[in-house]
Protein backbone atom coordinates (compact mmCIF):
# COMPACT_ATOMS: atom_id res chain seq x y z
CA MET A 1 5.89 -9.31 -12.70
CA PRO A 2 6.45 -13.09 -13.13
CA LEU A 3 4.47 -14.73 -15.90
CA THR A 4 3.12 -17.51 -13.66
CA THR A 5 1.69 -17.60 -10.16
CA ILE A 6 3.67 -19.18 -7.35
CA ARG A 7 1.27 -22.08 -7.11
CA GLU A 8 1.56 -22.72 -10.85
CA ALA A 9 5.34 -22.90 -10.47
CA VAL A 10 4.94 -25.33 -7.58
CA LYS A 11 2.49 -27.43 -9.58
CA SER A 12 5.11 -27.77 -12.31
CA GLY A 13 7.32 -29.59 -9.83
CA ARG A 14 9.70 -26.82 -8.78
CA THR A 15 10.89 -26.43 -5.20
CA LEU A 16 11.11 -22.68 -4.72
CA VAL A 17 13.34 -20.71 -2.37
CA SER A 18 12.09 -17.72 -0.42
CA ASP A 19 14.10 -15.05 1.42
CA GLY A 20 15.41 -14.80 4.98
CA ALA A 21 15.19 -12.57 8.04
CA TRP A 22 14.43 -8.86 7.73
CA GLY A 23 14.54 -7.58 11.30
CA THR A 24 18.16 -8.56 11.89
CA PHE A 25 19.13 -6.94 8.60
CA LEU A 26 17.42 -3.67 9.55
CA TYR A 27 19.29 -3.52 12.85
CA LYS A 28 22.57 -4.08 11.04
CA LYS A 29 21.71 -1.11 8.85
CA GLY A 30 21.10 1.09 11.88
CA LEU A 31 17.54 0.55 13.11
CA LYS A 32 17.44 1.63 16.75
CA PRO A 33 15.52 -0.16 19.53
CA GLY A 34 12.05 1.37 19.78
CA GLU A 35 12.20 2.75 16.23
CA CYS A 36 9.46 1.87 13.74
CA PRO A 37 10.89 -0.58 11.17
CA GLU A 38 8.11 0.10 8.67
CA LEU A 39 8.75 3.85 8.68
CA TRP A 40 12.03 3.08 6.94
CA ASN A 41 9.96 2.37 3.83
CA ILE A 42 9.50 6.12 3.56
CA ASN A 43 12.56 7.56 5.28
CA ARG A 44 15.20 5.04 4.17
CA PHE A 45 13.67 3.52 1.06
CA ASP A 46 16.98 2.57 -0.59
CA ASP A 47 18.16 0.68 2.50
CA VAL A 48 14.93 -1.33 2.51
CA LYS A 49 15.27 -2.05 -1.20
CA ASP A 50 18.84 -3.22 -0.64
CA ILE A 51 17.67 -5.88 1.83
CA ALA A 52 15.30 -7.38 -0.71
CA ALA A 53 17.98 -7.11 -3.40
CA SER A 54 20.45 -9.00 -1.19
CA TYR A 55 18.11 -11.98 -1.05
CA ILE A 56 17.34 -11.86 -4.75
CA GLU A 57 21.08 -11.80 -5.49
CA ALA A 58 21.49 -14.82 -3.19
CA GLY A 59 19.15 -16.78 -5.45
CA ALA A 60 15.74 -16.36 -3.80
CA ASP A 61 12.78 -16.86 -6.11
CA MET A 62 10.74 -14.42 -4.05
CA THR A 63 11.18 -11.74 -1.44
CA GLN A 64 8.98 -10.37 1.28
CA ALA A 65 8.42 -6.68 2.02
CA ASN A 66 9.14 -4.59 5.10
CA SER A 67 5.49 -4.57 6.13
CA PHE A 68 5.14 -7.12 8.95
CA GLY A 69 3.86 -4.54 11.45
CA GLY A 70 2.00 -2.49 8.88
CA THR A 71 -1.55 -2.48 10.27
CA CYS A 72 -2.90 0.65 11.91
CA TYR A 73 -2.85 -1.14 15.27
CA LYS A 74 0.91 -1.69 15.15
CA LEU A 75 1.74 1.65 13.56
CA GLU A 76 -0.26 3.63 16.11
CA HIS A 77 2.40 2.80 18.71
CA PHE A 78 4.80 4.95 16.68
CA GLY A 79 2.34 7.71 15.86
CA CYS A 80 2.09 6.50 12.26
CA ALA A 81 -1.47 5.16 12.09
CA ASP A 82 -2.33 7.82 9.52
CA LYS A 83 0.42 6.55 7.19
CA VAL A 84 -0.74 2.94 6.72
CA ALA A 85 -1.36 3.19 2.98
CA GLU A 86 1.79 5.20 2.28
CA ILE A 87 4.05 2.93 4.34
CA ASN A 88 2.74 -0.33 2.88
CA GLU A 89 2.68 0.86 -0.70
CA ALA A 90 6.31 1.95 -0.33
CA ALA A 91 7.23 -1.40 1.24
CA ALA A 92 5.87 -3.35 -1.72
CA ARG A 93 7.40 -0.92 -4.20
CA ALA A 94 10.89 -1.32 -2.69
CA SER A 95 10.73 -5.10 -2.96
CA ARG A 96 9.18 -4.88 -6.43
CA LEU A 97 12.13 -2.84 -7.67
CA ALA A 98 14.56 -5.33 -6.14
CA ALA A 99 12.74 -8.39 -7.47
CA GLY A 100 12.49 -7.13 -11.02
CA GLY A 101 10.17 -8.78 -13.49
CA ASP A 102 10.94 -12.45 -12.91
CA ARG A 103 10.84 -12.93 -9.12
CA TRP A 104 7.81 -12.73 -6.84
CA VAL A 105 7.08 -10.23 -4.08
CA ILE A 106 5.24 -11.86 -1.17
CA ALA A 107 4.45 -8.89 1.05
CA SER A 108 4.44 -9.63 4.78
CA VAL A 109 1.37 -9.12 6.97
CA GLY A 110 1.77 -9.92 10.66
CA PRO A 111 -0.72 -10.16 13.54
CA THR A 112 -2.46 -7.01 14.69
CA GLY A 113 -1.60 -7.57 18.34
CA LYS A 114 -5.30 -7.28 19.19
CA MET A 115 -7.39 -10.08 20.73
CA LEU A 116 -10.78 -10.94 19.33
CA VAL A 117 -11.53 -13.28 22.22
CA THR A 118 -11.31 -10.43 24.76
CA GLU A 119 -13.39 -8.13 22.52
CA GLU A 120 -10.45 -5.74 22.34
CA VAL A 121 -11.38 -5.33 18.69
CA THR A 122 -14.33 -6.42 16.57
CA GLU A 123 -14.09 -8.66 13.51
CA ASP A 124 -15.22 -5.75 11.30
CA GLU A 125 -12.53 -3.46 12.72
CA MET A 126 -9.85 -6.09 12.21
CA TYR A 127 -11.08 -6.72 8.66
CA GLU A 128 -10.82 -3.01 7.82
CA ALA A 129 -7.30 -2.85 9.23
CA PHE A 130 -6.14 -5.77 7.08
CA LYS A 131 -8.03 -4.43 4.06
CA THR A 132 -6.26 -1.06 4.23
CA GLN A 133 -2.85 -2.66 4.57
CA ILE A 134 -3.26 -5.36 1.94
CA THR A 135 -4.80 -3.14 -0.73
CA ALA A 136 -1.85 -0.76 -0.33
CA LEU A 137 0.58 -3.66 -0.73
CA ALA A 138 -1.21 -4.67 -3.92
CA LYS A 139 -1.00 -1.10 -5.20
CA GLY A 140 2.74 -1.09 -4.51
CA GLY A 141 3.30 -4.08 -6.78
CA ALA A 142 3.10 -7.19 -4.59
CA ASP A 143 2.30 -10.50 -6.28
CA ALA A 144 1.16 -12.19 -3.09
CA VAL A 145 0.42 -11.43 0.52
CA CYS A 146 2.19 -13.51 3.17
CA ILE A 147 -0.03 -13.51 6.25
CA GLU A 148 2.47 -14.86 8.77
CA THR A 149 3.33 -15.64 12.39
CA MET A 150 -0.34 -16.25 13.11
CA SER A 151 -1.54 -17.99 16.26
CA ASP A 152 -5.31 -17.41 16.13
CA ILE A 153 -7.40 -19.04 13.40
CA ASP A 154 -10.07 -16.33 13.43
CA GLU A 155 -7.55 -13.53 12.91
CA ALA A 156 -5.82 -15.43 10.12
CA CYS A 157 -9.12 -16.11 8.36
CA ILE A 158 -10.15 -12.44 8.60
CA ALA A 159 -6.86 -11.44 6.94
CA ILE A 160 -7.40 -14.04 4.22
CA LYS A 161 -10.93 -12.75 3.65
CA ALA A 162 -9.71 -9.15 3.39
CA ALA A 163 -7.12 -10.14 0.78
CA LYS A 164 -9.52 -12.36 -1.16
CA GLU A 165 -12.37 -9.84 -1.33
CA ASN A 166 -10.31 -6.76 -2.15
CA THR A 167 -7.32 -7.88 -4.26
CA ASP A 168 -6.21 -10.44 -6.83
CA LEU A 169 -3.09 -11.33 -4.83
CA GLU A 170 -2.07 -14.90 -4.17
CA ILE A 171 -2.67 -15.59 -0.50
CA ILE A 172 -0.09 -17.30 1.71
CA CYS A 173 -0.86 -17.97 5.37
CA THR A 174 1.58 -19.36 7.91
CA PHE A 175 1.37 -20.01 11.66
CA SER A 176 4.06 -20.17 14.33
CA PHE A 177 4.09 -23.35 16.39
CA GLU A 178 5.92 -24.41 19.54
CA LYS A 179 6.64 -27.95 20.70
CA THR A 180 4.63 -28.82 23.80
CA VAL A 181 5.63 -31.04 26.72
CA ARG A 182 3.50 -33.74 25.09
CA GLY A 183 5.68 -33.60 21.99
CA ASP A 184 3.08 -32.16 19.63
CA TYR A 185 2.96 -28.66 18.16
CA ARG A 186 0.60 -25.80 19.01
CA THR A 187 0.42 -22.05 18.57
CA MET A 188 0.23 -19.93 21.72
CA MET A 189 -3.55 -19.94 21.19
CA GLY A 190 -3.57 -23.75 21.21
CA VAL A 191 -3.99 -24.29 17.47
CA SER A 192 -2.43 -27.42 15.94
CA PRO A 193 -0.84 -27.57 12.46
CA THR A 194 -3.76 -29.75 11.31
CA GLU A 195 -6.36 -27.27 12.55
CA ALA A 196 -4.53 -24.30 11.05
CA ALA A 197 -4.05 -26.03 7.70
CA LYS A 198 -7.67 -27.08 7.32
CA ALA A 199 -9.13 -23.74 8.45
CA THR A 200 -6.95 -21.56 6.23
CA THR A 201 -7.47 -23.83 3.23
CA GLU A 202 -11.23 -23.59 3.70
CA ALA A 203 -10.94 -19.80 4.10
CA GLY A 204 -9.36 -19.50 0.67
CA ALA A 205 -5.58 -19.39 1.17
CA HIS A 206 -3.63 -20.56 -1.87
CA ILE A 207 -0.46 -21.54 0.02
CA ILE A 208 -0.17 -22.48 3.70
CA GLY A 209 2.61 -23.36 6.11
CA ALA A 210 4.70 -22.40 9.11
CA ASN A 211 7.23 -19.75 10.01
CA CYS A 212 9.42 -18.75 12.95
CA GLY A 213 9.64 -20.52 16.30
CA ASN A 214 11.55 -23.56 15.00
CA GLY A 215 14.60 -24.56 13.02
CA ILE A 216 14.35 -26.83 10.00
CA GLU A 217 14.61 -30.05 12.04
CA ARG A 218 11.35 -29.38 13.88
CA MET A 219 9.74 -27.86 10.80
CA ILE A 220 10.10 -31.26 9.13
CA GLU A 221 7.68 -32.72 11.70
CA ILE A 222 5.27 -29.77 11.34
CA VAL A 223 5.25 -30.02 7.54
CA GLY A 224 4.56 -33.74 7.76
CA GLU A 225 1.43 -33.02 9.79
CA ILE A 226 0.28 -30.25 7.45
CA ARG A 227 0.85 -32.41 4.38
CA ALA A 228 -1.21 -35.23 5.89
CA ALA A 229 -4.04 -32.81 6.71
CA VAL A 230 -4.27 -31.16 3.28
CA PRO A 231 -2.44 -33.34 0.73
CA GLY A 232 -2.85 -31.08 -2.30
CA MET A 233 -1.93 -27.68 -0.87
CA PRO A 234 1.37 -25.92 -1.59
CA ILE A 235 3.35 -25.49 1.64
CA LEU A 236 5.75 -22.66 2.51
CA VAL A 237 8.20 -22.80 5.41
CA HIS A 238 10.31 -19.95 6.80
CA ALA A 239 12.50 -21.65 9.43
CA ASN A 240 14.74 -20.01 11.98
CA ALA A 241 18.49 -20.66 11.97
CA GLY A 242 17.95 -23.15 14.79
CA LEU A 243 16.59 -22.48 18.27
CA PRO A 244 17.92 -19.29 19.85
CA GLN A 245 20.58 -19.42 22.54
CA ASN A 246 21.04 -16.56 24.99
CA ILE A 247 24.69 -15.55 24.98
CA ASP A 248 25.76 -12.52 26.99
CA GLY A 249 22.18 -11.31 27.10
CA LYS A 250 21.60 -11.62 23.36
CA ASP A 251 19.64 -14.20 21.39
CA VAL A 252 21.96 -15.97 18.98
CA PHE A 253 20.74 -18.38 16.32
CA PRO A 254 23.30 -21.18 16.05
CA GLU A 255 22.72 -22.84 12.69
CA THR A 256 25.16 -21.91 9.94
CA PRO A 257 24.25 -21.72 6.25
CA GLU A 258 25.82 -25.16 5.85
CA ASP A 259 23.71 -26.57 8.71
CA MET A 260 20.47 -25.37 7.14
CA ALA A 261 21.53 -26.47 3.67
CA LYS A 262 22.06 -30.03 4.90
CA LEU A 263 18.50 -30.19 6.25
CA ALA A 264 16.71 -28.36 3.41
CA PRO A 265 16.34 -31.42 1.13
CA ALA A 266 14.72 -33.37 3.99
CA LEU A 267 12.26 -30.52 4.53
CA ALA A 268 11.37 -30.63 0.83
CA ALA A 269 10.98 -34.41 1.01
CA ALA A 270 8.57 -33.98 3.93
CA GLY A 271 6.32 -31.86 1.70
CA ALA A 272 7.58 -28.27 1.72
CA ASP A 273 7.30 -26.67 -1.72
CA ILE A 274 8.75 -23.27 -0.80
CA ILE A 275 11.64 -22.99 1.66
CA GLY A 276 13.10 -19.83 3.14
CA GLY A 277 14.33 -18.42 6.41
CA CYS A 278 13.10 -16.47 9.40
CA CYS A 279 14.98 -15.26 12.50
CA GLY A 280 18.75 -15.54 12.29
CA THR A 281 18.93 -16.31 8.59
CA THR A 282 20.93 -14.24 6.11
CA PRO A 283 21.53 -14.14 2.34
CA ALA A 284 24.29 -16.70 2.95
CA HIS A 285 21.74 -19.12 4.42
CA ILE A 286 19.43 -18.61 1.45
CA LYS A 287 22.25 -19.11 -1.06
CA ALA A 288 23.33 -22.33 0.65
CA MET A 289 19.78 -23.74 0.73
CA LYS A 290 19.23 -22.76 -2.90
CA GLU A 291 22.33 -24.70 -3.92
CA ALA A 292 21.34 -27.71 -1.82
CA LEU A 293 17.83 -27.79 -3.28
CA SER A 294 19.09 -27.37 -6.82
C-alpha cells in the first residue's frame, strides 16, 4: 500500500488524478441489463481487475472498486444479500492487485436505496449495512472508502460513522448535485453543496466533494461553493463527460478526452485537489486530464 495517505499527498501540494467510469466499462465487457455488477467480483474477477488496471495504466493515482451497490439492500434484489462480505472483499482485492503498492484503492460505497425519512429503514439497520460492507472492503485491501452519489445528509453521515468506528480507512464522501431553475445546486433531497460539505466534515470525513450529475464546467461552480464553506478540506471531484444527450434512445456523454483535459486545470484552480471521472469517462479521459494537470 502507498506510504502516505491521500490527504498527506494533497497537503504536500500535489493535484491527484482518480479513475473514471466503471458501469460503462462493465457493459463493454459483457454485463447484461438486469445482471448484478458486483457479482462479477466473484464470477469474473479478472475482468473486474482489468478495469482497475486500465485506469492505473492511464496514469490514475487511485482507483475505485466494483462495490457501488454492495450493501445488503442493493444485493438483495439479485438474491445475493448473503454474499455481502464475499463480494466486497473480492472487489477491493481486485483493485488492490491492479493498483499495486504505490497507488491508492478508494473503494466505492453508494446509497442504500432506502429512505430514512419514510421509516423504510432505521438508522441502526442502515449503520449495520454500511458496517458490513465497509469492513469487508477494508479486509480486501482498500486504503479508503469513497462514499459517493449521496443526496441525503443523514445517510451519508451514517456511512461515515460506520467507516470511522470500524476501520482505519480514509473516508471520502461526495454528493451528486443538480442545477436548479434558480441557478444554484441541490441534491434531489434539497441539500446544497455548503450544507453537505459542513455536515460531512463535522461527521469525520477526511475528503469531501461531488460526483456524477455534472460535467467539469458545472463542477467548477460546485467546487467553488464547497471550498468557500470548508477552506481547509481536501476536495475530490468525479465529473461526467459532459451532460448526457439522448441519441437513438441511448444516453451519450459528449465531452471528449481533449474537452475534459482543457477544463481540468480550471477545476483544480477552483479548489479541487483530486480530479477523476464518472459517467461517460474512459481511460483516455483520465490520461488526457493527467497530462493536462501535470
